[in-house]
Amino acid sequence: MPTIELSTGIETYYQIEGSGDVLLLIMGTGADHSTWNAQVECYRDHYTVVSYDNRGTGQATHPEALSDYSMQILADDAAALLDAIGIETAHVSGLSLGSATAQELAISYPNRVQSLQLHNTWGRSDEWFVRMIDSMSFMVEHDDLDAYIRCALLWVSSPDFLANRPDEVNDFERSFILENPHPPSKAGLLGHFHADRTHDALERLGSIKAPTIVTTGEMDWQVPSRYGVEVAQRIAGADFHTFRGPSSSHIAFYEMTNEWNEFTLEWLREHS
């Protein structure tokens, strides 16, 4: 698919694969649509899967000003994309920053969201969370993206992944920056960090009416389970699931792809 101009004033790149009910995938901080590849491959046999580049990633516009990034702005982009490609409603799955964006989408555009998956999510950025984001943004602010990805992997991956799967670690690092035809930018990463730091939807989550599941990983250091529990408690009827085992990290969708995909697909089928 080509890039498309949205009513929010940016361009983005999107892909549509499969057939059936629409499933919109929203990725996390600094990562483009291709990070969902393993999920798209699984879901497209059952759903029309839409993946896209958030502003600040991939082939989307990368605004320079921090004020051009917030979870609400990212949610407005998502709604504008649905408008641009003629989709009224969609199942929505968001991961990390994408989950916070999905929260705002479900709050601000409730009639557009058929069901909601919030993976590795949080409802409000407290002091611990802000300091964690600061630890990753430091290298980006000093123009060292190689150091950034190495630091980020300490937060998002499991000890088992780093210690026992070196080839996959190298592939992950190379594909994120060195071999990425559209690598993360300083402006985009800092903009996403700003959205992460300033996210606060906790007191508004009660307005979400769509069937919702919140998932977490017992090995997720970046967004510990306590944040997901808090989100699930604020959304009436929300399901909650913890991925377990040595690979149940913030990037469990990558480290334990088959289990992650099978579980999320089964939940989606039950709520379609």
C-alpha atoms as a PDB file:
ATOM      1  CA  MET A   1       0.000   0.000   0.000  1.00  0.00           C
ATOM      2  CA  PRO A   2       1.192   3.575  -0.585  1.00  0.00           C
ATOM      3  CA  THR A   3       1.448   6.276   2.021  1.00  0.00           C
ATOM      4  CA  ILE A   4      -1.774   8.159   2.642  1.00  0.00           C
ATOM      5  CA  GLU A   5      -2.455  11.652   3.959  1.00  0.00           C
ATOM      6  CA  LEU A   6      -4.692  11.779   7.010  1.00  0.00           C
ATOM      7  CA  SER A   7      -7.071  14.504   8.141  1.00  0.00           C
ATOM      8  CA  THR A   8      -4.801  15.018  11.172  1.00  0.00           C
ATOM      9  CA  GLY A   9      -2.170  16.521   8.857  1.00  0.00           C
ATOM     10  CA  ILE A  10       0.328  13.677   8.639  1.00  0.00           C
ATOM     11  CA  GLU A  11       1.097  10.968   6.130  1.00  0.00           C
ATOM     12  CA  THR A  12       1.327   7.335   7.123  1.00  0.00           C
ATOM     13  CA  TYR A  13       1.996   3.973   5.528  1.00  0.00           C
ATOM     14  CA  TYR A  14      -0.456   1.138   6.037  1.00  0.00           C
ATOM     15  CA  GLN A  15      -1.018  -2.445   4.937  1.00  0.00           C
ATOM     16  CA  ILE A  16      -4.229  -4.463   4.640  1.00  0.00           C
ATOM     17  CA  GLU A  17      -4.159  -8.249   4.477  1.00  0.00           C
ATOM     18  CA  GLY A  18      -6.774 -10.981   4.794  1.00  0.00           C
ATOM     19  CA  SER A  19     -10.566 -10.871   4.815  1.00  0.00           C
ATOM     20  CA  GLY A  20     -13.403 -10.782   7.307  1.00  0.00           C
ATOM     21  CA  ASP A  21     -13.959  -8.443  10.257  1.00  0.00           C
ATOM     22  CA  VAL A  22     -11.357  -5.693  10.535  1.00  0.00           C
ATOM     23  CA  LEU A  23      -8.573  -5.915  13.112  1.00  0.00           C
ATOM     24  CA  LEU A  24      -6.478  -2.776  13.640  1.00  0.00           C
ATOM     25  CA  LEU A  25      -2.995  -3.327  15.105  1.00  0.00           C
ATOM     26  CA  ILE A  26      -1.236  -0.450  16.906  1.00  0.00           C
ATOM     27  CA  MET A  27       2.452  -0.965  17.700  1.00  0.00           C
ATOM     28  CA  GLY A  28       4.583   0.423  20.525  1.00  0.00           C
ATOM     29  CA  THR A  29       7.305   3.004  21.025  1.00  0.00           C
ATOM     30  CA  GLY A  30       9.584   3.571  18.049  1.00  0.00           C
ATOM     31  CA  ALA A  31       8.468   0.456  16.148  1.00  0.00           C
ATOM     32  CA  ASP A  32       6.859   0.473  12.714  1.00  0.00           C
ATOM     33  CA  HIS A  33       4.099  -1.710  11.257  1.00  0.00           C
ATOM     34  CA  SER A  34       6.509  -4.512  10.268  1.00  0.00           C
ATOM     35  CA  THR A  35       7.032  -5.391  13.940  1.00  0.00           C
ATOM     36  CA  TRP A  36       3.590  -7.028  13.721  1.00  0.00           C
ATOM     37  CA  ASN A  37       4.591  -9.343  10.846  1.00  0.00           C
ATOM     38  CA  ALA A  38       4.258 -12.605  12.783  1.00  0.00           C
ATOM     39  CA  GLN A  39       0.827 -11.560  14.069  1.00  0.00           C
ATOM     40  CA  VAL A  40      -0.379 -10.460  10.635  1.00  0.00           C
ATOM     41  CA  GLU A  41       0.657 -13.841   9.218  1.00  0.00           C
ATOM     42  CA  CYS A  42      -1.467 -15.558  11.876  1.00  0.00           C
ATOM     43  CA  TYR A  43      -4.490 -13.268  11.898  1.00  0.00           C
ATOM     44  CA  ARG A  44      -4.945 -12.682   8.156  1.00  0.00           C
ATOM     45  CA  ASP A  45      -6.518 -16.112   7.625  1.00  0.00           C
ATOM     46  CA  HIS A  46      -9.369 -15.027   9.885  1.00  0.00           C
ATOM     47  CA  TYR A  47      -9.569 -11.214   9.753  1.00  0.00           C
ATOM     48  CA  THR A  48      -8.901  -8.205   7.577  1.00  0.00           C
ATOM     49  CA  VAL A  49      -5.734  -7.018   9.313  1.00  0.00           C
ATOM     50  CA  VAL A  50      -4.718  -3.360   9.154  1.00  0.00           C
ATOM     51  CA  SER A  51      -1.236  -2.445  10.358  1.00  0.00           C
ATOM     52  CA  TYR A  52       0.326   0.977   9.969  1.00  0.00           C
ATOM     53  CA  ASP A  53       3.173   3.284  10.951  1.00  0.00           C
ATOM     54  CA  ASN A  54       2.396   5.581  13.860  1.00  0.00           C
ATOM     55  CA  ARG A  55       3.547   9.161  13.415  1.00  0.00           C
ATOM     56  CA  GLY A  56       7.241   9.242  14.245  1.00  0.00           C
ATOM     57  CA  THR A  57       7.905   5.751  12.843  1.00  0.00           C
ATOM     58  CA  GLY A  58       8.615   4.115   9.508  1.00  0.00           C
ATOM     59  CA  GLN A  59       7.233   5.917   6.486  1.00  0.00           C
ATOM     60  CA  ALA A  60       4.893   8.137   8.483  1.00  0.00           C
ATOM     61  CA  THR A  61       5.553  11.813   9.095  1.00  0.00           C
ATOM     62  CA  HIS A  62       8.080  12.416  11.882  1.00  0.00           C
ATOM     63  CA  PRO A  63       7.112  15.745  13.504  1.00  0.00           C
ATOM     64  CA  GLU A  64       9.905  17.544  15.343  1.00  0.00           C
ATOM     65  CA  ALA A  65       7.887  19.169  18.135  1.00  0.00           C
ATOM     66  CA  LEU A  66       7.117  17.167  21.272  1.00  0.00           C
ATOM     67  CA  SER A  67       3.721  18.867  21.347  1.00  0.00           C
ATOM     68  CA  ASP A  68       2.828  16.917  18.199  1.00  0.00           C
ATOM     69  CA  TYR A  69       2.903  13.667  20.158  1.00  0.00           C
ATOM     70  CA  SER A  70       0.446  12.422  22.759  1.00  0.00           C
ATOM     71  CA  MET A  71      -1.693   9.329  23.131  1.00  0.00           C
ATOM     72  CA  GLN A  72      -4.741  11.385  22.172  1.00  0.00           C
ATOM     73  CA  ILE A  73      -3.026  12.656  19.021  1.00  0.00           C
ATOM     74  CA  LEU A  74      -1.965   9.120  18.123  1.00  0.00           C
ATOM     75  CA  ALA A  75      -5.550   7.945  18.692  1.00  0.00           C
ATOM     76  CA  ASP A  76      -6.819  10.724  16.433  1.00  0.00           C
ATOM     77  CA  ASP A  77      -4.399   9.469  13.768  1.00  0.00           C
ATOM     78  CA  ALA A  78      -5.776   5.936  14.150  1.00  0.00           C
ATOM     79  CA  ALA A  79      -9.362   7.143  13.770  1.00  0.00           C
ATOM     80  CA  ALA A  80      -8.349   9.274  10.775  1.00  0.00           C
ATOM     81  CA  LEU A  81      -6.752   6.224   9.152  1.00  0.00           C
ATOM     82  CA  LEU A  82      -9.967   4.247   9.564  1.00  0.00           C
ATOM     83  CA  ASP A  83     -11.827   7.167   7.958  1.00  0.00           C
ATOM     84  CA  ALA A  84      -9.353   7.381   5.083  1.00  0.00           C
ATOM     85  CA  ILE A  85      -9.638   3.706   4.174  1.00  0.00           C
ATOM     86  CA  GLY A  86     -13.401   3.559   4.676  1.00  0.00           C
ATOM     87  CA  ILE A  87     -13.652   1.449   7.827  1.00  0.00           C
ATOM     88  CA  GLU A  88     -16.450   2.229  10.272  1.00  0.00           C
ATOM     89  CA  THR A  89     -15.521  -0.123  13.119  1.00  0.00           C
ATOM     90  CA  ALA A  90     -12.655  -2.461  13.969  1.00  0.00           C
ATOM     91  CA  HIS A  91     -11.376  -4.807  16.583  1.00  0.00           C
ATOM     92  CA  VAL A  92      -8.367  -3.008  18.060  1.00  0.00           C
ATOM     93  CA  SER A  93      -5.180  -4.507  19.470  1.00  0.00           C
ATOM     94  CA  GLY A  94      -2.477  -2.276  20.893  1.00  0.00           C
ATOM     95  CA  LEU A  95       0.841  -3.077  22.500  1.00  0.00           C
ATOM     96  CA  SER A  96       2.684  -0.808  24.964  1.00  0.00           C
ATOM     97  CA  LEU A  97       2.438   2.725  23.527  1.00  0.00           C
ATOM     98  CA  GLY A  98      -0.036   1.191  21.115  1.00  0.00           C
ATOM     99  CA  SER A  99      -2.158  -0.009  24.034  1.00  0.00           C
ATOM    100  CA  ALA A 100      -2.254   3.472  25.543  1.00  0.00           C
ATOM    101  CA  THR A 101      -3.230   4.824  22.113  1.00  0.00           C
ATOM    102  CA  ALA A 102      -5.949   2.156  21.948  1.00  0.00           C
ATOM    103  CA  GLN A 103      -7.278   3.292  25.333  1.00  0.00           C
ATOM    104  CA  GLU A 104      -7.713   6.829  24.024  1.00  0.00           C
ATOM    105  CA  LEU A 105      -9.255   5.517  20.799  1.00  0.00           C
ATOM    106  CA  ALA A 106     -11.849   3.517  22.745  1.00  0.00           C
ATOM    107  CA  ILE A 107     -12.592   6.475  25.029  1.00  0.00           C
ATOM    108  CA  SER A 108     -12.830   9.156  22.322  1.00  0.00           C
ATOM    109  CA  TYR A 109     -14.294   7.050  19.507  1.00  0.00           C
ATOM    110  CA  PRO A 110     -16.322   4.340  21.273  1.00  0.00           C
ATOM    111  CA  ASN A 111     -18.435   3.515  18.226  1.00  0.00           C
ATOM    112  CA  ARG A 112     -15.324   2.671  16.199  1.00  0.00           C
ATOM    113  CA  VAL A 113     -14.058  -0.075  18.549  1.00  0.00           C
ATOM    114  CA  GLN A 114     -15.712  -3.521  18.432  1.00  0.00           C
ATOM    115  CA  SER A 115     -13.320  -5.143  20.892  1.00  0.00           C
ATOM    116  CA  LEU A 116     -10.168  -4.020  22.637  1.00  0.00           C
ATOM    117  CA  GLN A 117      -6.898  -5.773  23.406  1.00  0.00           C
ATOM    118  CA  LEU A 118      -4.502  -3.903  25.700  1.00  0.00           C
ATOM    119  CA  HIS A 119      -1.140  -5.659  25.843  1.00  0.00           C
ATOM    120  CA  ASN A 120       1.585  -4.581  28.302  1.00  0.00           C
ATOM    121  CA  THR A 121      -0.423  -1.538  29.211  1.00  0.00           C
ATOM    122  CA  TRP A 122      -0.614   1.169  31.851  1.00  0.00           C
ATOM    123  CA  GLY A 123      -3.217   3.775  32.692  1.00  0.00           C
ATOM    124  CA  ARG A 124      -1.153   6.579  34.172  1.00  0.00           C
ATOM    125  CA  SER A 125       2.559   7.380  34.026  1.00  0.00           C
ATOM    126  CA  ASP A 126       3.767   7.592  37.620  1.00  0.00           C
ATOM    127  CA  GLU A 127       7.220   8.642  38.825  1.00  0.00           C
ATOM    128  CA  TRP A 128       8.725   5.154  38.476  1.00  0.00           C
ATOM    129  CA  PHE A 129       7.440   4.863  34.923  1.00  0.00           C
ATOM    130  CA  VAL A 130       8.699   8.318  33.947  1.00  0.00           C
ATOM    131  CA  ARG A 131      12.186   7.530  35.284  1.00  0.00           C
ATOM    132  CA  MET A 132      12.210   4.260  33.354  1.00  0.00           C
ATOM    133  CA  ILE A 133      11.395   6.137  30.146  1.00  0.00           C
ATOM    134  CA  ASP A 134      14.105   8.678  30.996  1.00  0.00           C
ATOM    135  CA  SER A 135      16.660   5.870  31.187  1.00  0.00           C
ATOM    136  CA  MET A 136      15.927   4.921  27.573  1.00  0.00           C
ATOM    137  CA  SER A 137      15.586   8.423  26.166  1.00  0.00           C
ATOM    138  CA  PHE A 138      19.009   9.501  27.461  1.00  0.00           C
ATOM    139  CA  MET A 139      20.912   7.733  24.663  1.00  0.00           C
ATOM    140  CA  VAL A 140      18.547   9.047  22.002  1.00  0.00           C
ATOM    141  CA  GLU A 141      18.955  12.581  23.286  1.00  0.00           C
ATOM    142  CA  HIS A 142      22.726  12.075  22.893  1.00  0.00           C
ATOM    143  CA  ASP A 143      22.384  10.686  19.356  1.00  0.00           C
ATOM    144  CA  ASP A 144      23.409   7.106  20.151  1.00  0.00           C
ATOM    145  CA  LEU A 145      20.698   4.863  18.721  1.00  0.00           C
ATOM    146  CA  ASP A 146      22.914   1.777  18.962  1.00  0.00           C
ATOM    147  CA  ALA A 147      23.204   2.284  22.715  1.00  0.00           C
ATOM    148  CA  TYR A 148      19.482   2.963  22.875  1.00  0.00           C
ATOM    149  CA  ILE A 149      18.476  -0.386  21.414  1.00  0.00           C
ATOM    150  CA  ARG A 150      20.923  -2.233  23.672  1.00  0.00           C
ATOM    151  CA  CYS A 151      19.491  -0.465  26.711  1.00  0.00           C
ATOM    152  CA  ALA A 152      15.923  -0.949  25.517  1.00  0.00           C
ATOM    153  CA  LEU A 153      16.440  -4.698  25.219  1.00  0.00           C
ATOM    154  CA  LEU A 154      17.317  -4.819  28.927  1.00  0.00           C
ATOM    155  CA  TRP A 155      13.851  -3.442  29.657  1.00  0.00           C
ATOM    156  CA  VAL A 156      11.741  -5.176  27.012  1.00  0.00           C
ATOM    157  CA  SER A 157      13.284  -8.647  26.606  1.00  0.00           C
ATOM    158  CA  SER A 158      13.782 -11.552  28.976  1.00  0.00           C
ATOM    159  CA  PRO A 159      17.071 -12.754  30.488  1.00  0.00           C
ATOM    160  CA  ASP A 160      16.518 -16.026  28.642  1.00  0.00           C
ATOM    161  CA  PHE A 161      16.265 -14.199  25.307  1.00  0.00           C
ATOM    162  CA  LEU A 162      19.513 -12.280  25.832  1.00  0.00           C
ATOM    163  CA  ALA A 163      21.449 -15.211  27.269  1.00  0.00           C
ATOM    164  CA  ASN A 164      20.271 -18.134  25.167  1.00  0.00           C
ATOM    165  CA  ARG A 165      19.079 -16.774  21.824  1.00  0.00           C
ATOM    166  CA  PRO A 166      21.988 -14.612  20.602  1.00  0.00           C
ATOM    167  CA  ASP A 167      21.183 -15.019  16.911  1.00  0.00           C
ATOM    168  CA  GLU A 168      17.653 -13.743  17.447  1.00  0.00           C
ATOM    169  CA  VAL A 169      18.949 -10.878  19.581  1.00  0.00           C
ATOM    170  CA  ASN A 170      21.311  -9.866  16.783  1.00  0.00           C
ATOM    171  CA  ASP A 171      18.500 -10.125  14.245  1.00  0.00           C
ATOM    172  CA  PHE A 172      16.254  -7.976  16.426  1.00  0.00           C
ATOM    173  CA  GLU A 173      18.908  -5.287  16.848  1.00  0.00           C
ATOM    174  CA  ARG A 174      19.875  -5.248  13.163  1.00  0.00           C
ATOM    175  CA  SER A 175      16.306  -5.168  11.876  1.00  0.00           C
ATOM    176  CA  PHE A 176      15.367  -2.334  14.227  1.00  0.00           C
ATOM    177  CA  ILE A 177      18.062   0.076  13.038  1.00  0.00           C
ATOM    178  CA  LEU A 178      20.952  -1.095  10.825  1.00  0.00           C
ATOM    179  CA  GLU A 179      18.945  -3.099   8.280  1.00  0.00           C
ATOM    180  CA  ASN A 180      15.714  -1.145   8.592  1.00  0.00           C
ATOM    181  CA  PRO A 181      14.997   0.784   5.366  1.00  0.00           C
ATOM    182  CA  HIS A 182      12.959   3.235   7.438  1.00  0.00           C
ATOM    183  CA  PRO A 183      14.731   3.302  10.825  1.00  0.00           C
ATOM    184  CA  PRO A 184      13.571   5.164  13.924  1.00  0.00           C
ATOM    185  CA  SER A 185      14.390   8.854  14.041  1.00  0.00           C
ATOM    186  CA  LYS A 186      15.520  10.946  16.969  1.00  0.00           C
ATOM    187  CA  ALA A 187      12.445  13.178  16.621  1.00  0.00           C
ATOM    188  CA  GLY A 188      10.082  10.220  16.462  1.00  0.00           C
ATOM    189  CA  LEU A 189      11.585   8.398  19.433  1.00  0.00           C
ATOM    190  CA  LEU A 190      11.638  11.505  21.606  1.00  0.00           C
ATOM    191  CA  GLY A 191       8.059  12.215  20.572  1.00  0.00           C
ATOM    192  CA  HIS A 192       6.978   8.716  21.553  1.00  0.00           C
ATOM    193  CA  PHE A 193       8.809   8.994  24.873  1.00  0.00           C
ATOM    194  CA  HIS A 194       6.928  12.243  25.486  1.00  0.00           C
ATOM    195  CA  ALA A 195       3.612  10.479  24.813  1.00  0.00           C
ATOM    196  CA  ASP A 196       4.655   7.648  27.137  1.00  0.00           C
ATOM    197  CA  ARG A 197       5.593  10.045  29.942  1.00  0.00           C
ATOM    198  CA  THR A 198       2.408  12.086  29.731  1.00  0.00           C
ATOM    199  CA  HIS A 199      -0.162   9.298  29.321  1.00  0.00           C
ATOM    200  CA  ASP A 200      -2.988   9.582  31.853  1.00  0.00           C
ATOM    201  CA  ALA A 201      -6.291   7.892  31.068  1.00  0.00           C
ATOM    202  CA  LEU A 202      -6.783   6.072  34.363  1.00  0.00           C
ATOM    203  CA  GLU A 203      -9.790   8.037  35.603  1.00  0.00           C
ATOM    204  CA  ARG A 204     -11.477   7.826  32.176  1.00  0.00           C
ATOM    205  CA  LEU A 205     -11.084   4.083  31.570  1.00  0.00           C
ATOM    206  CA  GLY A 206     -14.476   3.416  33.127  1.00  0.00           C
ATOM    207  CA  SER A 207     -16.141   4.872  30.044  1.00  0.00           C
ATOM    208  CA  ILE A 208     -14.851   2.002  27.867  1.00  0.00           C
ATOM    209  CA  LYS A 209     -17.728  -0.321  26.967  1.00  0.00           C
ATOM    210  CA  ALA A 210     -16.124  -2.533  24.310  1.00  0.00           C
ATOM    211  CA  PRO A 211     -15.246  -6.111  25.311  1.00  0.00           C
ATOM    212  CA  THR A 212     -11.693  -5.792  26.615  1.00  0.00           C
ATOM    213  CA  ILE A 213      -8.773  -7.978  27.544  1.00  0.00           C
ATOM    214  CA  VAL A 214      -5.640  -6.778  29.313  1.00  0.00           C
ATOM    215  CA  THR A 215      -2.542  -8.963  29.065  1.00  0.00           C
ATOM    216  CA  THR A 216       0.784  -8.775  30.814  1.00  0.00           C
ATOM    217  CA  GLY A 217       3.923 -10.869  31.105  1.00  0.00           C
ATOM    218  CA  GLU A 218       5.417 -12.066  34.367  1.00  0.00           C
ATOM    219  CA  MET A 219       8.866 -11.196  32.951  1.00  0.00           C
ATOM    220  CA  ASP A 220       7.886  -7.696  31.788  1.00  0.00           C
ATOM    221  CA  TRP A 221      10.226  -5.270  33.524  1.00  0.00           C
ATOM    222  CA  GLN A 222       9.255  -2.231  31.458  1.00  0.00           C
ATOM    223  CA  VAL A 223       5.524  -2.252  32.200  1.00  0.00           C
ATOM    224  CA  PRO A 224       5.156  -4.472  35.275  1.00  0.00           C
ATOM    225  CA  SER A 225       1.936  -6.396  35.791  1.00  0.00           C
ATOM    226  CA  ARG A 226       0.713  -4.045  38.508  1.00  0.00           C
ATOM    227  CA  TYR A 227      -0.062  -1.447  35.826  1.00  0.00           C
ATOM    228  CA  GLY A 228      -2.124  -3.894  33.770  1.00  0.00           C
ATOM    229  CA  VAL A 229      -4.039  -5.030  36.846  1.00  0.00           C
ATOM    230  CA  GLU A 230      -4.931  -1.428  37.592  1.00  0.00           C
ATOM    231  CA  VAL A 231      -6.183  -0.883  34.037  1.00  0.00           C
ATOM    232  CA  ALA A 232      -8.285  -4.073  34.043  1.00  0.00           C
ATOM    233  CA  GLN A 233      -9.892  -3.085  37.340  1.00  0.00           C
ATOM    234  CA  ARG A 234     -11.070   0.210  35.854  1.00  0.00           C
ATOM    235  CA  ILE A 235     -12.817  -1.327  32.803  1.00  0.00           C
ATOM    236  CA  ALA A 236     -16.074  -3.095  33.599  1.00  0.00           C
ATOM    237  CA  GLY A 237     -15.996  -6.754  32.639  1.00  0.00           C
ATOM    238  CA  ALA A 238     -12.426  -6.694  31.351  1.00  0.00           C
ATOM    239  CA  ASP A 239     -10.616 -10.001  31.085  1.00  0.00           C
ATOM    240  CA  PHE A 240      -7.060 -10.278  32.377  1.00  0.00           C
ATOM    241  CA  HIS A 241      -4.340 -12.707  31.365  1.00  0.00           C
ATOM    242  CA  THR A 242      -0.712 -13.167  32.409  1.00  0.00           C
ATOM    243  CA  PHE A 243       1.706 -14.837  30.016  1.00  0.00           C
ATOM    244  CA  ARG A 244       4.095 -16.973  32.017  1.00  0.00           C
ATOM    245  CA  GLY A 245       7.447 -18.642  31.546  1.00  0.00           C
ATOM    246  CA  PRO A 246      11.010 -17.548  30.747  1.00  0.00           C
ATOM    247  CA  SER A 247       9.967 -15.737  27.553  1.00  0.00           C
ATOM    248  CA  SER A 248       6.997 -13.799  28.964  1.00  0.00           C
ATOM    249  CA  SER A 249       8.632 -10.397  28.562  1.00  0.00           C
ATOM    250  CA  HIS A 250       7.402  -7.042  27.276  1.00  0.00           C
ATOM    251  CA  ILE A 251       8.018  -8.448  23.802  1.00  0.00           C
ATOM    252  CA  ALA A 252       6.356 -11.797  24.478  1.00  0.00           C
ATOM    253  CA  PHE A 253       4.601 -11.361  21.129  1.00  0.00           C
ATOM    254  CA  TYR A 254       8.098 -11.797  19.615  1.00  0.00           C
ATOM    255  CA  GLU A 255       9.736 -14.173  22.091  1.00  0.00           C
ATOM    256  CA  MET A 256       6.828 -16.617  22.416  1.00  0.00           C
ATOM    257  CA  THR A 257       5.003 -15.875  19.191  1.00  0.00           C
ATOM    258  CA  ASN A 258       2.987 -19.068  18.801  1.00  0.00           C
ATOM    259  CA  GLU A 259       1.471 -19.045  22.287  1.00  0.00           C
ATOM    260  CA  TRP A 260       0.843 -15.304  22.150  1.00  0.00           C
ATOM    261  CA  ASN A 261      -0.853 -15.515  18.764  1.00  0.00           C
ATOM    262  CA  GLU A 262      -2.962 -18.550  19.628  1.00  0.00           C
ATOM    263  CA  PHE A 263      -4.241 -17.003  22.846  1.00  0.00           C
ATOM    264  CA  THR A 264      -5.069 -13.609  21.351  1.00  0.00           C
ATOM    265  CA  LEU A 265      -6.698 -15.161  18.287  1.00  0.00           C
ATOM    266  CA  GLU A 266      -8.908 -17.385  20.432  1.00  0.00           C
ATOM    267  CA  TRP A 267      -9.992 -14.420  22.582  1.00  0.00           C
ATOM    268  CA  LEU A 268     -10.740 -12.428  19.449  1.00  0.00           C
ATOM    269  CA  ARG A 269     -12.860 -15.216  17.987  1.00  0.00           C
ATOM    270  CA  GLU A 270     -14.896 -15.348  21.197  1.00  0.00           C
ATOM    271  CA  HIS A 271     -15.626 -11.622  20.940  1.00  0.00           C
ATOM    272  CA  SER A 272     -16.265 -11.266  17.223  1.00  0.00           C
END
